N, C-alpha and C. Protein backbone atom coordinates (compact mmCIF):
# COMPACT_ATOMS: atom_id res chain seq x y z
N MET A 1 -11.70 -0.10 -74.51
CA MET A 1 -12.77 -0.88 -75.48
C MET A 1 -13.75 -1.64 -74.04
N LEU A 2 -14.61 -1.73 -74.69
CA LEU A 2 -16.09 -2.38 -73.62
C LEU A 2 -15.38 -3.64 -73.32
N GLU A 3 -15.08 -4.61 -74.21
CA GLU A 3 -14.65 -5.86 -73.46
C GLU A 3 -13.59 -5.94 -72.40
N ASP A 4 -12.80 -5.03 -72.77
CA ASP A 4 -11.55 -4.63 -71.66
C ASP A 4 -12.23 -4.34 -70.07
N ALA A 5 -12.96 -3.48 -70.12
CA ALA A 5 -13.53 -2.76 -69.07
C ALA A 5 -14.58 -3.62 -68.17
N ILE A 6 -15.54 -4.66 -69.05
CA ILE A 6 -16.09 -5.67 -68.66
C ILE A 6 -15.40 -6.43 -67.90
N LEU A 7 -14.11 -6.91 -68.50
CA LEU A 7 -13.54 -7.84 -67.79
C LEU A 7 -12.75 -7.47 -66.63
N ASP A 8 -12.35 -6.33 -66.65
CA ASP A 8 -11.64 -5.59 -65.57
C ASP A 8 -12.46 -5.49 -64.22
N ALA A 9 -13.97 -5.02 -64.74
CA ALA A 9 -14.97 -4.95 -63.46
C ALA A 9 -15.16 -6.22 -63.12
N ALA A 10 -15.22 -7.26 -64.25
CA ALA A 10 -15.37 -8.63 -63.48
C ALA A 10 -14.28 -9.24 -62.50
N TRP A 11 -13.03 -9.16 -62.79
CA TRP A 11 -11.83 -9.30 -61.75
C TRP A 11 -12.31 -8.63 -60.71
N ASP A 12 -12.50 -7.05 -60.62
CA ASP A 12 -12.48 -6.48 -59.35
C ASP A 12 -13.71 -7.08 -58.63
N GLU A 13 -14.71 -7.24 -59.22
CA GLU A 13 -16.09 -7.85 -58.74
C GLU A 13 -15.80 -8.94 -57.67
N LEU A 14 -14.58 -10.04 -58.63
CA LEU A 14 -14.32 -11.27 -58.07
C LEU A 14 -13.47 -10.87 -56.67
N VAL A 15 -12.49 -10.35 -57.02
CA VAL A 15 -11.71 -9.68 -55.73
C VAL A 15 -12.64 -9.09 -54.41
N ASP A 16 -13.46 -8.40 -54.68
CA ASP A 16 -14.20 -7.76 -53.69
C ASP A 16 -15.19 -8.49 -52.87
N HIS A 17 -15.89 -9.45 -53.78
CA HIS A 17 -16.76 -10.00 -53.08
C HIS A 17 -16.97 -11.86 -53.23
N GLY A 18 -15.70 -12.58 -53.73
CA GLY A 18 -15.57 -13.72 -53.98
C GLY A 18 -16.48 -14.27 -55.13
N TYR A 19 -16.53 -15.51 -55.18
CA TYR A 19 -17.43 -16.20 -56.36
C TYR A 19 -18.87 -15.98 -55.82
N ALA A 20 -19.01 -16.44 -54.18
CA ALA A 20 -20.25 -16.23 -54.17
C ALA A 20 -21.14 -14.79 -54.11
N GLY A 21 -20.30 -13.68 -54.23
CA GLY A 21 -20.73 -12.51 -54.50
C GLY A 21 -20.87 -12.33 -56.18
N PHE A 22 -20.05 -12.76 -56.73
CA PHE A 22 -19.98 -12.47 -58.13
C PHE A 22 -20.89 -12.64 -59.10
N THR A 23 -21.76 -11.36 -59.43
CA THR A 23 -22.93 -11.51 -60.11
C THR A 23 -22.83 -10.58 -61.28
N ILE A 24 -23.34 -10.71 -62.45
CA ILE A 24 -23.59 -10.22 -63.66
C ILE A 24 -23.97 -8.90 -63.66
N ASP A 25 -25.07 -8.82 -62.75
CA ASP A 25 -25.54 -7.28 -62.19
C ASP A 25 -24.40 -6.51 -61.60
N GLY A 26 -23.24 -6.86 -60.76
CA GLY A 26 -22.33 -6.48 -60.13
C GLY A 26 -21.40 -5.78 -61.21
N VAL A 27 -20.95 -6.97 -62.07
CA VAL A 27 -19.98 -6.59 -63.01
C VAL A 27 -20.94 -5.58 -64.11
N ALA A 28 -21.76 -5.62 -64.25
CA ALA A 28 -22.63 -4.62 -65.38
C ALA A 28 -22.53 -3.27 -64.46
N ARG A 29 -22.55 -2.91 -63.42
CA ARG A 29 -22.49 -1.89 -62.80
C ARG A 29 -21.19 -1.72 -62.75
N ARG A 30 -20.46 -2.32 -62.30
CA ARG A 30 -18.89 -1.66 -62.13
C ARG A 30 -18.25 -1.04 -63.71
N ALA A 31 -19.03 -1.68 -64.73
CA ALA A 31 -18.28 -1.65 -66.20
C ALA A 31 -19.27 -0.38 -66.62
N ALA A 32 -20.36 -0.14 -66.18
CA ALA A 32 -20.94 1.04 -66.66
C ALA A 32 -21.99 0.79 -67.79
N THR A 33 -22.24 -0.45 -68.01
CA THR A 33 -23.26 -1.11 -68.87
C THR A 33 -24.22 -1.59 -68.39
N SER A 34 -24.96 -2.39 -69.25
CA SER A 34 -26.09 -3.42 -68.91
C SER A 34 -26.00 -4.96 -68.93
N ARG A 35 -26.73 -5.10 -68.36
CA ARG A 35 -26.65 -7.20 -68.32
C ARG A 35 -26.62 -7.44 -69.42
N PRO A 36 -27.72 -7.23 -70.47
CA PRO A 36 -27.70 -7.87 -71.75
C PRO A 36 -26.45 -7.64 -72.66
N VAL A 37 -25.70 -6.74 -72.31
CA VAL A 37 -24.42 -6.41 -73.08
C VAL A 37 -23.55 -7.47 -72.63
N VAL A 38 -23.44 -7.66 -71.15
CA VAL A 38 -22.65 -8.70 -70.55
C VAL A 38 -23.11 -9.80 -71.11
N TYR A 39 -24.37 -10.36 -70.91
CA TYR A 39 -24.87 -11.93 -71.16
C TYR A 39 -24.51 -11.97 -72.92
N ARG A 40 -24.36 -10.88 -73.68
CA ARG A 40 -24.45 -11.37 -75.09
C ARG A 40 -22.66 -12.06 -75.26
N ARG A 41 -21.96 -11.28 -74.41
CA ARG A 41 -20.55 -11.93 -74.40
C ARG A 41 -20.05 -13.04 -73.67
N TRP A 42 -21.05 -13.23 -72.58
CA TRP A 42 -20.43 -14.35 -71.65
C TRP A 42 -21.89 -14.89 -71.31
N PRO A 43 -22.43 -16.05 -71.92
CA PRO A 43 -23.72 -16.38 -71.52
C PRO A 43 -23.98 -16.82 -69.86
N THR A 44 -23.09 -17.12 -69.28
CA THR A 44 -23.09 -17.57 -67.70
C THR A 44 -21.84 -16.71 -67.02
N ARG A 45 -22.07 -16.63 -65.64
CA ARG A 45 -20.97 -15.98 -65.00
C ARG A 45 -19.59 -16.84 -64.90
N GLN A 46 -19.80 -18.03 -64.92
CA GLN A 46 -18.71 -19.23 -64.76
C GLN A 46 -18.03 -18.84 -66.09
N GLU A 47 -18.58 -18.52 -67.36
CA GLU A 47 -17.84 -18.02 -68.59
C GLU A 47 -17.12 -17.06 -68.27
N LEU A 48 -17.79 -15.81 -68.07
CA LEU A 48 -17.13 -14.54 -67.38
C LEU A 48 -15.90 -14.64 -66.37
N LEU A 49 -16.21 -15.56 -65.53
CA LEU A 49 -14.97 -15.50 -64.60
C LEU A 49 -13.76 -16.09 -65.04
N ARG A 50 -14.18 -17.16 -66.13
CA ARG A 50 -13.02 -17.68 -66.49
C ARG A 50 -12.16 -16.74 -67.31
N GLU A 51 -13.02 -16.01 -68.01
CA GLU A 51 -12.49 -15.14 -69.38
C GLU A 51 -11.48 -13.75 -68.71
N ALA A 52 -12.22 -13.47 -67.42
CA ALA A 52 -11.46 -12.35 -66.58
C ALA A 52 -10.17 -12.65 -65.77
N VAL A 53 -10.39 -14.03 -65.85
CA VAL A 53 -8.98 -14.80 -64.97
C VAL A 53 -7.90 -14.75 -66.03
N ALA A 54 -8.32 -15.19 -67.08
CA ALA A 54 -7.42 -15.13 -68.43
C ALA A 54 -6.93 -13.80 -68.78
N HIS A 55 -7.81 -12.99 -68.81
CA HIS A 55 -7.53 -11.39 -69.07
C HIS A 55 -6.57 -10.77 -68.04
N ARG A 56 -6.75 -11.07 -66.77
CA ARG A 56 -5.78 -10.56 -65.84
C ARG A 56 -4.47 -10.97 -66.02
N GLY A 57 -4.33 -12.56 -66.30
CA GLY A 57 -3.24 -13.16 -66.52
C GLY A 57 -2.57 -12.59 -67.57
N ALA A 58 -3.14 -12.49 -68.60
CA ALA A 58 -2.30 -11.85 -69.86
C ALA A 58 -1.90 -10.41 -69.29
N GLN A 59 -2.32 -9.74 -68.23
CA GLN A 59 -1.83 -8.34 -68.03
C GLN A 59 -0.44 -8.33 -67.43
N GLU A 60 -0.28 -9.77 -66.45
CA GLU A 60 0.75 -9.68 -66.08
C GLU A 60 1.94 -9.46 -66.52
N ASP A 61 3.17 -8.96 -65.55
CA ASP A 61 4.43 -8.74 -66.17
C ASP A 61 5.16 -10.44 -66.53
N ARG A 62 5.44 -10.72 -67.68
CA ARG A 62 6.06 -12.10 -67.71
C ARG A 62 7.60 -11.90 -68.17
N THR A 63 8.15 -10.99 -67.52
CA THR A 63 9.97 -10.92 -67.76
C THR A 63 10.15 -12.32 -66.58
N VAL A 64 11.34 -12.80 -67.23
CA VAL A 64 11.68 -13.89 -66.54
C VAL A 64 13.11 -13.21 -66.11
N PRO A 65 13.59 -13.42 -64.72
CA PRO A 65 14.62 -12.98 -63.94
C PRO A 65 15.82 -13.89 -64.52
N ASP A 66 17.25 -13.16 -65.04
CA ASP A 66 18.30 -13.59 -65.69
C ASP A 66 19.29 -13.36 -64.70
N THR A 67 19.63 -13.96 -63.61
CA THR A 67 20.56 -13.35 -62.74
C THR A 67 22.23 -14.30 -62.93
N GLY A 68 21.82 -15.19 -63.65
CA GLY A 68 23.06 -15.83 -64.24
C GLY A 68 23.32 -17.07 -63.53
N THR A 69 22.27 -17.21 -62.23
CA THR A 69 22.55 -18.72 -61.66
C THR A 69 21.10 -19.05 -61.31
N LEU A 70 21.24 -20.54 -61.28
CA LEU A 70 19.47 -20.99 -61.02
C LEU A 70 19.36 -20.58 -59.82
N ARG A 71 19.75 -20.51 -58.51
CA ARG A 71 19.49 -20.01 -57.61
C ARG A 71 18.97 -18.50 -57.56
N GLY A 72 19.69 -17.90 -58.02
CA GLY A 72 19.11 -16.29 -58.12
C GLY A 72 18.25 -16.03 -58.88
N ASP A 73 18.14 -16.89 -60.39
CA ASP A 73 16.88 -16.82 -60.60
C ASP A 73 15.50 -17.39 -60.24
N LEU A 74 15.72 -18.32 -59.13
CA LEU A 74 14.34 -19.16 -58.68
C LEU A 74 14.17 -18.03 -57.53
N ILE A 75 15.15 -17.63 -56.79
CA ILE A 75 14.77 -16.67 -55.47
C ILE A 75 13.96 -15.43 -56.30
N THR A 76 14.62 -15.08 -57.30
CA THR A 76 13.84 -13.40 -57.76
C THR A 76 12.71 -13.81 -58.24
N LEU A 77 12.47 -15.06 -59.20
CA LEU A 77 11.06 -15.38 -59.72
C LEU A 77 10.04 -15.67 -58.39
N LEU A 78 10.73 -16.27 -57.64
CA LEU A 78 9.59 -16.50 -56.80
C LEU A 78 9.14 -15.55 -55.70
N SER A 79 10.03 -14.48 -55.57
CA SER A 79 9.68 -13.25 -55.14
C SER A 79 9.05 -12.70 -55.98
N GLN A 80 9.34 -12.26 -56.83
CA GLN A 80 8.29 -11.60 -57.51
C GLN A 80 6.56 -12.06 -58.06
N VAL A 81 6.80 -13.36 -57.63
CA VAL A 81 5.22 -13.90 -57.90
C VAL A 81 4.38 -13.66 -56.21
N ASN A 82 5.63 -13.54 -55.26
CA ASN A 82 4.97 -13.50 -54.24
C ASN A 82 4.81 -11.79 -53.69
N GLU A 83 5.27 -11.05 -54.44
CA GLU A 83 4.74 -9.87 -54.44
C GLU A 83 3.75 -9.36 -55.09
N ARG A 84 3.59 -9.71 -56.32
CA ARG A 84 2.94 -9.51 -57.45
C ARG A 84 1.43 -10.67 -57.27
N ARG A 85 1.75 -11.72 -56.96
CA ARG A 85 0.39 -12.59 -57.02
C ARG A 85 -0.19 -13.46 -55.92
N SER A 86 0.51 -13.10 -54.81
CA SER A 86 0.12 -13.87 -53.25
C SER A 86 -1.42 -13.51 -53.38
N GLY A 87 -1.93 -12.57 -53.31
CA GLY A 87 -3.49 -12.50 -53.34
C GLY A 87 -4.38 -12.95 -54.31
N THR A 88 -3.92 -13.26 -55.48
CA THR A 88 -4.47 -13.88 -56.52
C THR A 88 -4.66 -15.35 -55.99
N ILE A 89 -3.45 -15.94 -55.78
CA ILE A 89 -3.34 -17.52 -55.74
C ILE A 89 -4.36 -17.54 -54.28
N THR A 90 -4.07 -16.78 -53.30
CA THR A 90 -4.86 -17.34 -52.09
C THR A 90 -6.47 -17.06 -52.87
N LEU A 91 -6.83 -16.15 -53.58
CA LEU A 91 -8.37 -15.98 -54.41
C LEU A 91 -8.97 -16.82 -54.88
N MET A 92 -7.81 -17.64 -55.84
CA MET A 92 -8.02 -18.39 -56.51
C MET A 92 -8.19 -20.00 -55.71
N ALA A 93 -7.34 -20.01 -54.62
CA ALA A 93 -7.45 -21.36 -53.82
C ALA A 93 -8.82 -21.19 -53.06
N LEU A 94 -8.67 -19.83 -52.43
CA LEU A 94 -10.05 -20.37 -51.16
C LEU A 94 -11.51 -19.48 -51.51
N GLN A 95 -11.78 -18.76 -52.49
CA GLN A 95 -12.77 -18.09 -52.81
C GLN A 95 -13.86 -18.58 -53.52
N LEU A 96 -13.06 -19.40 -54.60
CA LEU A 96 -13.64 -20.04 -55.83
C LEU A 96 -14.07 -21.74 -55.72
N SER A 97 -14.40 -21.96 -54.47
CA SER A 97 -14.89 -23.36 -54.32
C SER A 97 -16.16 -23.49 -55.05
N GLY A 98 -17.22 -22.61 -54.82
CA GLY A 98 -18.22 -22.69 -55.40
C GLY A 98 -18.21 -22.91 -57.00
N TYR A 99 -17.33 -22.04 -57.47
CA TYR A 99 -16.85 -21.83 -59.16
C TYR A 99 -16.57 -23.40 -59.28
N TYR A 100 -15.55 -23.97 -58.77
CA TYR A 100 -14.84 -25.33 -58.80
C TYR A 100 -15.98 -26.48 -58.84
N GLU A 101 -16.78 -26.08 -57.86
CA GLU A 101 -18.26 -27.54 -57.58
C GLU A 101 -19.20 -27.11 -58.89
N GLU A 102 -19.38 -25.99 -59.14
CA GLU A 102 -20.21 -25.71 -60.24
C GLU A 102 -19.83 -26.25 -61.59
N THR A 103 -18.68 -25.90 -61.95
CA THR A 103 -17.89 -26.53 -63.19
C THR A 103 -17.43 -27.62 -63.43
N GLY A 104 -17.02 -28.12 -61.84
CA GLY A 104 -16.14 -29.30 -61.99
C GLY A 104 -14.65 -29.07 -62.53
N SER A 105 -14.27 -28.05 -62.48
CA SER A 105 -12.81 -27.87 -62.87
C SER A 105 -12.11 -27.73 -61.43
N THR A 106 -10.94 -27.09 -61.74
CA THR A 106 -9.94 -26.90 -60.41
C THR A 106 -9.31 -26.04 -60.51
N MET A 107 -8.35 -25.55 -59.31
CA MET A 107 -7.51 -24.59 -59.61
C MET A 107 -6.38 -24.77 -60.51
N ALA A 108 -6.20 -25.77 -61.08
CA ALA A 108 -5.08 -26.01 -61.75
C ALA A 108 -5.83 -25.51 -63.17
N ASP A 109 -6.79 -25.69 -63.27
CA ASP A 109 -7.80 -25.43 -64.84
C ASP A 109 -7.60 -23.80 -64.89
N LEU A 110 -8.07 -23.09 -63.54
CA LEU A 110 -7.85 -21.75 -63.59
C LEU A 110 -6.38 -21.00 -63.58
N ARG A 111 -5.46 -21.94 -62.94
CA ARG A 111 -4.30 -21.19 -63.06
C ARG A 111 -3.85 -21.32 -64.65
N ARG A 112 -4.00 -22.48 -65.38
CA ARG A 112 -3.86 -22.35 -66.95
C ARG A 112 -4.48 -21.26 -67.31
N ALA A 113 -5.59 -21.13 -67.45
CA ALA A 113 -6.33 -20.11 -67.87
C ALA A 113 -5.33 -18.58 -67.74
N PHE A 114 -4.98 -18.38 -66.44
CA PHE A 114 -4.24 -17.10 -65.68
C PHE A 114 -2.89 -17.22 -66.86
N VAL A 115 -2.25 -18.31 -66.79
CA VAL A 115 -0.93 -18.30 -66.98
C VAL A 115 -0.65 -18.54 -68.69
N GLY A 116 -1.96 -19.11 -69.26
CA GLY A 116 -1.82 -19.39 -70.69
C GLY A 116 -1.15 -20.73 -71.15
N ASP A 117 -1.08 -20.70 -72.31
CA ASP A 117 -0.38 -22.17 -72.56
C ASP A 117 0.91 -22.25 -73.03
N GLY A 118 1.47 -21.06 -73.26
CA GLY A 118 2.98 -21.19 -73.45
C GLY A 118 3.98 -21.48 -72.49
N GLU A 119 5.33 -21.13 -72.75
CA GLU A 119 6.16 -21.57 -71.72
C GLU A 119 6.27 -20.74 -70.59
N THR A 120 6.27 -21.24 -69.48
CA THR A 120 6.17 -20.64 -68.03
C THR A 120 7.46 -20.13 -68.08
N ALA A 121 7.38 -19.29 -66.76
CA ALA A 121 8.72 -18.54 -66.21
C ALA A 121 10.06 -19.86 -66.02
N ILE A 122 9.18 -20.56 -64.85
CA ILE A 122 10.14 -21.63 -64.43
C ILE A 122 10.64 -22.53 -65.52
N ASP A 123 9.64 -22.74 -66.66
CA ASP A 123 10.66 -23.57 -67.69
C ASP A 123 11.25 -22.73 -68.31
N ARG A 124 11.58 -21.38 -68.17
CA ARG A 124 12.75 -20.95 -68.94
C ARG A 124 13.86 -20.78 -67.93
N VAL A 125 13.70 -20.42 -66.88
CA VAL A 125 14.75 -20.84 -65.86
C VAL A 125 15.19 -22.05 -65.73
N ILE A 126 14.53 -23.32 -65.84
CA ILE A 126 14.98 -24.36 -65.80
C ILE A 126 15.88 -24.86 -66.99
N GLN A 127 15.60 -24.11 -68.22
CA GLN A 127 16.04 -24.38 -69.38
C GLN A 127 17.41 -23.64 -69.25
N ARG A 128 17.33 -22.66 -69.09
CA ARG A 128 18.83 -21.76 -68.99
C ARG A 128 19.95 -22.53 -68.02
N ALA A 129 19.34 -23.25 -67.22
CA ALA A 129 20.10 -23.80 -65.95
C ALA A 129 20.82 -24.91 -66.49
N VAL A 130 19.97 -25.73 -67.24
CA VAL A 130 20.35 -27.10 -67.80
C VAL A 130 21.49 -26.63 -68.88
N GLU A 131 21.03 -25.63 -69.89
CA GLU A 131 22.01 -24.86 -70.76
C GLU A 131 23.66 -24.61 -69.98
N ARG A 132 23.35 -24.25 -68.76
CA ARG A 132 24.60 -23.60 -67.91
C ARG A 132 25.19 -24.83 -67.60
N GLY A 133 24.63 -25.76 -67.53
CA GLY A 133 25.19 -27.16 -66.74
C GLY A 133 25.23 -27.13 -65.34
N GLU A 134 24.16 -26.48 -64.81
CA GLU A 134 23.86 -26.68 -63.43
C GLU A 134 22.82 -27.67 -63.10
N ILE A 135 22.07 -27.98 -63.90
CA ILE A 135 20.98 -28.90 -63.56
C ILE A 135 21.37 -30.30 -64.32
N ASP A 136 20.95 -31.30 -63.77
CA ASP A 136 20.87 -32.74 -64.26
C ASP A 136 19.70 -32.89 -64.92
N PRO A 137 19.37 -32.55 -66.45
CA PRO A 137 18.23 -33.04 -67.05
C PRO A 137 17.68 -34.21 -66.71
N ALA A 138 18.43 -35.26 -66.83
CA ALA A 138 17.81 -36.43 -66.12
C ALA A 138 17.02 -36.74 -64.89
N ARG A 139 17.33 -35.66 -64.12
CA ARG A 139 16.70 -35.45 -62.83
C ARG A 139 15.34 -34.95 -62.55
N LEU A 140 15.19 -34.25 -63.87
CA LEU A 140 14.07 -33.22 -63.83
C LEU A 140 12.53 -34.23 -64.45
N THR A 141 12.09 -34.74 -63.46
CA THR A 141 10.47 -35.34 -63.58
C THR A 141 9.67 -34.18 -63.65
N PRO A 142 8.31 -34.13 -64.10
CA PRO A 142 7.54 -33.41 -63.97
C PRO A 142 7.14 -32.99 -62.77
N ARG A 143 7.36 -33.74 -61.41
CA ARG A 143 6.93 -33.59 -60.19
C ARG A 143 7.96 -32.66 -59.76
N ILE A 144 9.07 -32.86 -59.93
CA ILE A 144 10.08 -32.13 -59.63
C ILE A 144 10.37 -30.83 -59.99
N ARG A 145 10.17 -30.66 -61.33
CA ARG A 145 9.87 -29.40 -61.99
C ARG A 145 9.09 -28.43 -61.51
N ALA A 146 7.91 -28.80 -61.16
CA ALA A 146 6.60 -28.18 -60.61
C ALA A 146 7.08 -27.70 -58.95
N LEU A 147 7.87 -28.45 -58.30
CA LEU A 147 7.86 -28.47 -57.12
C LEU A 147 8.10 -27.17 -56.39
N PRO A 148 9.33 -26.35 -56.61
CA PRO A 148 9.29 -24.81 -56.22
C PRO A 148 7.78 -24.28 -55.91
N PHE A 149 7.24 -23.96 -57.20
CA PHE A 149 6.22 -23.22 -57.01
C PHE A 149 4.88 -24.17 -56.48
N ASP A 150 5.15 -25.66 -56.62
CA ASP A 150 3.88 -26.35 -55.71
C ASP A 150 4.08 -25.84 -54.07
N LEU A 151 5.39 -26.04 -53.62
CA LEU A 151 5.72 -25.96 -52.49
C LEU A 151 5.44 -24.22 -51.93
N PHE A 152 5.56 -23.17 -52.83
CA PHE A 152 5.10 -21.69 -52.67
C PHE A 152 3.82 -21.77 -52.44
N ARG A 153 3.05 -22.24 -53.43
CA ARG A 153 1.30 -22.26 -53.44
C ARG A 153 0.97 -22.75 -52.23
N HIS A 154 1.58 -23.85 -51.69
CA HIS A 154 0.99 -24.55 -50.51
C HIS A 154 1.54 -23.53 -49.42
N GLU A 155 2.34 -23.15 -49.47
CA GLU A 155 2.89 -22.06 -48.18
C GLU A 155 1.66 -20.59 -48.23
N LEU A 156 1.44 -20.00 -49.22
CA LEU A 156 0.12 -19.19 -49.09
C LEU A 156 -1.09 -19.32 -48.77
N VAL A 157 -1.47 -20.52 -49.58
CA VAL A 157 -2.52 -21.39 -49.01
C VAL A 157 -2.64 -21.69 -47.55
N MET A 158 -1.72 -22.32 -47.21
CA MET A 158 -1.87 -22.90 -45.81
C MET A 158 -1.49 -21.60 -44.65
N THR A 159 -0.96 -20.39 -45.16
CA THR A 159 -0.61 -19.36 -44.25
C THR A 159 -1.93 -18.21 -44.40
N LEU A 160 -2.20 -18.17 -45.74
CA LEU A 160 -2.97 -16.73 -45.99
C LEU A 160 -2.35 -15.79 -45.99
N ARG A 161 -1.09 -15.50 -46.18
CA ARG A 161 -0.10 -14.35 -46.24
C ARG A 161 0.92 -14.78 -47.26
N PRO A 162 1.58 -13.80 -47.95
CA PRO A 162 2.90 -13.82 -48.49
C PRO A 162 3.95 -14.90 -47.88
N ALA A 163 4.71 -15.42 -48.78
CA ALA A 163 5.61 -16.01 -48.24
C ALA A 163 6.77 -15.15 -47.77
N SER A 164 7.65 -15.66 -46.81
CA SER A 164 8.81 -14.94 -46.13
C SER A 164 10.02 -15.33 -46.98
N ALA A 165 11.10 -14.37 -46.93
CA ALA A 165 12.42 -14.26 -47.91
C ALA A 165 12.88 -15.54 -47.45
N GLU A 166 12.69 -16.19 -46.10
CA GLU A 166 13.18 -17.24 -45.37
C GLU A 166 12.90 -18.46 -46.20
N THR A 167 11.40 -18.63 -46.10
CA THR A 167 10.71 -19.62 -46.67
C THR A 167 11.06 -19.84 -48.31
N ILE A 168 11.25 -18.74 -48.87
CA ILE A 168 11.52 -18.88 -50.30
C ILE A 168 12.67 -19.23 -50.52
N GLU A 169 13.72 -19.08 -49.74
CA GLU A 169 15.19 -19.50 -49.85
C GLU A 169 15.15 -20.93 -49.33
N GLU A 170 14.33 -21.44 -48.57
CA GLU A 170 14.67 -22.61 -47.91
C GLU A 170 13.99 -23.51 -49.05
N ILE A 171 12.91 -23.30 -49.71
CA ILE A 171 12.33 -23.75 -50.64
C ILE A 171 13.59 -24.13 -51.97
N VAL A 172 14.11 -23.03 -52.23
CA VAL A 172 15.12 -23.19 -53.30
C VAL A 172 16.24 -23.93 -52.53
N ASP A 173 16.81 -23.55 -51.91
CA ASP A 173 18.33 -24.10 -51.06
C ASP A 173 18.31 -25.40 -50.43
N THR A 174 17.17 -25.81 -49.74
CA THR A 174 17.30 -26.79 -49.04
C THR A 174 16.51 -28.21 -49.98
N ILE A 175 15.47 -27.72 -50.47
CA ILE A 175 14.71 -28.98 -51.18
C ILE A 175 15.04 -29.02 -52.43
N PHE A 176 14.75 -27.71 -53.18
CA PHE A 176 14.80 -28.01 -54.92
C PHE A 176 16.15 -28.22 -55.28
N LEU A 177 16.87 -27.46 -54.88
CA LEU A 177 18.60 -27.52 -55.56
C LEU A 177 19.16 -28.96 -55.47
N PRO A 178 19.05 -29.40 -54.08
CA PRO A 178 19.51 -30.58 -53.87
C PRO A 178 18.78 -31.72 -54.68
N LEU A 179 17.94 -31.62 -55.22
CA LEU A 179 17.49 -32.70 -56.10
C LEU A 179 17.76 -32.37 -57.28
N VAL A 180 18.17 -31.51 -57.96
CA VAL A 180 18.43 -31.00 -59.50
C VAL A 180 19.80 -30.94 -59.87
N ALA A 181 20.61 -30.49 -58.98
CA ALA A 181 22.16 -30.07 -59.10
C ALA A 181 22.86 -31.19 -59.62
N VAL A 182 23.62 -30.77 -60.64
CA VAL A 182 24.58 -31.72 -61.13
C VAL A 182 25.64 -32.22 -60.21
N ARG A 183 25.66 -33.53 -59.71
CA ARG A 183 26.59 -34.15 -58.90
C ARG A 183 28.03 -34.61 -59.85
N LEU A 184 28.70 -33.69 -58.92
CA LEU A 184 29.99 -34.28 -59.76
C LEU A 184 30.64 -35.43 -59.05
N ALA A 185 31.09 -35.97 -60.10
CA ALA A 185 31.81 -37.53 -59.81
C ALA A 185 33.05 -37.79 -58.66
């Protein structure tokens, strides 16, 4: 379908050239179509970028690991994201500053476009852990729920490379689990 071809081309153009080099002409060339065809659907490059990010996110594998333990699920989930999305996270953080400035949006806004509005993988992992009695739900503030991925994203942005297995284990074992684990009296 032409719309998918344009959105795939827009993503590839963004990855190859960053926002500074992201042009409707480049997208049209990659999609083997014309500028007017692209502009009819997306009047601005900002709208096209946002839709390309959402389109790419919808193509992502949304399988939530179920190892039987919170620790196993989190390490598996972070490792999968590390393998599949570390480049995307770095791209969204570093190469899109012009987009954020032009639109007044943030990386969090584009992240929502990428992952959608439904239940996230971390939400499902945490809910299963609560159901198994591994997590004290009273200790789950929004900030603590977000902590594993916040620390993971920070690592990617600060090092500009995928996180090591040791870093992922440290985030889970040393920081997150002690904050949420059920404490026996």
